[in-house]
Amino acid sequence: MSKEKTTMPFSQAGLVNYTDIDKSGLNIKPEYIVILAILIFFIEIALWKGL
């Protein structure tokens, strides 16, 4: 069998190294975003029906 390649088969000229990005922003879990969207949806329905 041939030896496995250790390099990528494409050029890395267009790839960007994102390891230096500052990650000190808001770290909100996606579950919380979905819950918030559902709550806003139900509040809008309640306001639309005039409750």
C-alpha atoms as a PDB file:
ATOM      1  CA  MET A   1       0.000   0.000   0.000  1.00  0.00           C
ATOM      2  CA  SER A   2       1.112   3.516  -0.603  1.00  0.00           C
ATOM      3  CA  LYS A   3       2.063   5.881   2.145  1.00  0.00           C
ATOM      4  CA  GLU A   4      -0.751   8.228   3.241  1.00  0.00           C
ATOM      5  CA  LYS A   5      -0.402  11.880   2.344  1.00  0.00           C
ATOM      6  CA  THR A   6       0.010  14.275   5.244  1.00  0.00           C
ATOM      7  CA  THR A   7      -0.623  17.464   3.274  1.00  0.00           C
ATOM      8  CA  MET A   8      -3.880  18.932   2.079  1.00  0.00           C
ATOM      9  CA  PRO A   9      -4.687  18.294  -1.587  1.00  0.00           C
ATOM     10  CA  PHE A  10      -5.483  21.962  -2.190  1.00  0.00           C
ATOM     11  CA  SER A  11      -3.597  25.207  -1.857  1.00  0.00           C
ATOM     12  CA  GLN A  12      -3.809  27.035   1.465  1.00  0.00           C
ATOM     13  CA  ALA A  13      -3.409  30.445  -0.169  1.00  0.00           C
ATOM     14  CA  GLY A  14      -7.055  31.388   0.464  1.00  0.00           C
ATOM     15  CA  LEU A  15      -7.296  29.972   3.982  1.00  0.00           C
ATOM     16  CA  VAL A  16      -7.105  32.329   6.941  1.00  0.00           C
ATOM     17  CA  ASN A  17      -5.701  31.507  10.349  1.00  0.00           C
ATOM     18  CA  TYR A  18      -8.353  32.469  12.911  1.00  0.00           C
ATOM     19  CA  THR A  19      -6.430  31.529  16.052  1.00  0.00           C
ATOM     20  CA  ASP A  20      -5.628  35.157  16.904  1.00  0.00           C
ATOM     21  CA  ILE A  21      -9.271  36.320  17.024  1.00  0.00           C
ATOM     22  CA  ASP A  22     -10.376  37.813  20.330  1.00  0.00           C
ATOM     23  CA  LYS A  23     -13.099  35.618  21.845  1.00  0.00           C
ATOM     24  CA  SER A  24     -14.075  37.960  24.682  1.00  0.00           C
ATOM     25  CA  GLY A  25     -17.478  38.842  23.194  1.00  0.00           C
ATOM     26  CA  LEU A  26     -20.854  37.487  24.209  1.00  0.00           C
ATOM     27  CA  ASN A  27     -20.795  33.722  24.492  1.00  0.00           C
ATOM     28  CA  ILE A  28     -24.478  32.811  24.190  1.00  0.00           C
ATOM     29  CA  LYS A  29     -25.457  29.203  23.653  1.00  0.00           C
ATOM     30  CA  PRO A  30     -27.584  28.553  20.552  1.00  0.00           C
ATOM     31  CA  GLU A  31     -30.243  26.943  22.751  1.00  0.00           C
ATOM     32  CA  TYR A  32     -30.817  30.261  24.525  1.00  0.00           C
ATOM     33  CA  ILE A  33     -31.237  32.059  21.197  1.00  0.00           C
ATOM     34  CA  VAL A  34     -33.881  29.529  20.108  1.00  0.00           C
ATOM     35  CA  ILE A  35     -35.726  29.848  23.437  1.00  0.00           C
ATOM     36  CA  LEU A  36     -35.650  33.637  23.196  1.00  0.00           C
ATOM     37  CA  ALA A  37     -36.974  33.532  19.623  1.00  0.00           C
ATOM     38  CA  ILE A  38     -39.841  31.236  20.658  1.00  0.00           C
ATOM     39  CA  LEU A  39     -40.724  33.512  23.589  1.00  0.00           C
ATOM     40  CA  ILE A  40     -40.746  36.575  21.339  1.00  0.00           C
ATOM     41  CA  PHE A  41     -42.918  34.680  18.851  1.00  0.00           C
ATOM     42  CA  PHE A  42     -45.521  33.825  21.497  1.00  0.00           C
ATOM     43  CA  ILE A  43     -45.476  37.362  22.906  1.00  0.00           C
ATOM     44  CA  GLU A  44     -46.114  38.736  19.410  1.00  0.00           C
ATOM     45  CA  ILE A  45     -49.039  36.338  18.928  1.00  0.00           C
ATOM     46  CA  ALA A  46     -50.488  37.363  22.304  1.00  0.00           C
ATOM     47  CA  LEU A  47     -50.193  41.051  21.417  1.00  0.00           C
ATOM     48  CA  TRP A  48     -51.670  40.453  17.967  1.00  0.00           C
ATOM     49  CA  LYS A  49     -54.723  38.725  19.451  1.00  0.00           C
ATOM     50  CA  GLY A  50     -55.121  41.538  21.952  1.00  0.00           C
ATOM     51  CA  LEU A  51     -54.573  39.597  25.150  1.00  0.00           C
END
